[in-house]
Amino acid sequence: ASVETRRITDEEADTVGVCSFRVEHLTKFEKDDNGIFKITLDFLGKDSMRYLNTVEIPKIIFNNLRKFVKGKKKKYRLRSRSSETAKAHRG
């Protein structure tokens, strides 16, 4: 008897790359008791490996990123494919 195997595509596994990073992958914005600004990232990366990490970021980036995602749907992509297309046309 043979066992049939198939590879799960990135789309099926909902893996994340630069062009598919969405609002829902930024799971937490916080300022700790020491005044350190942090964001938590949670997504499936290459080979469907979960990436879960809280990182320190400068206050200006924290504020700008929080403003940028405010009111956007969870599935909203933070970087659209059109920005890649525009970049390619610039040379």
Foldseek 3Di string as FASTA:
>chain_A
DDDDDDDQDCVNLVADDLAQDFQLQFPDWDQDPVRWTKTWGWGQHPPRRIDTDIDTDDPVCSVVVCVVCPPPDRRHTPHHVVVVVVVVVVD
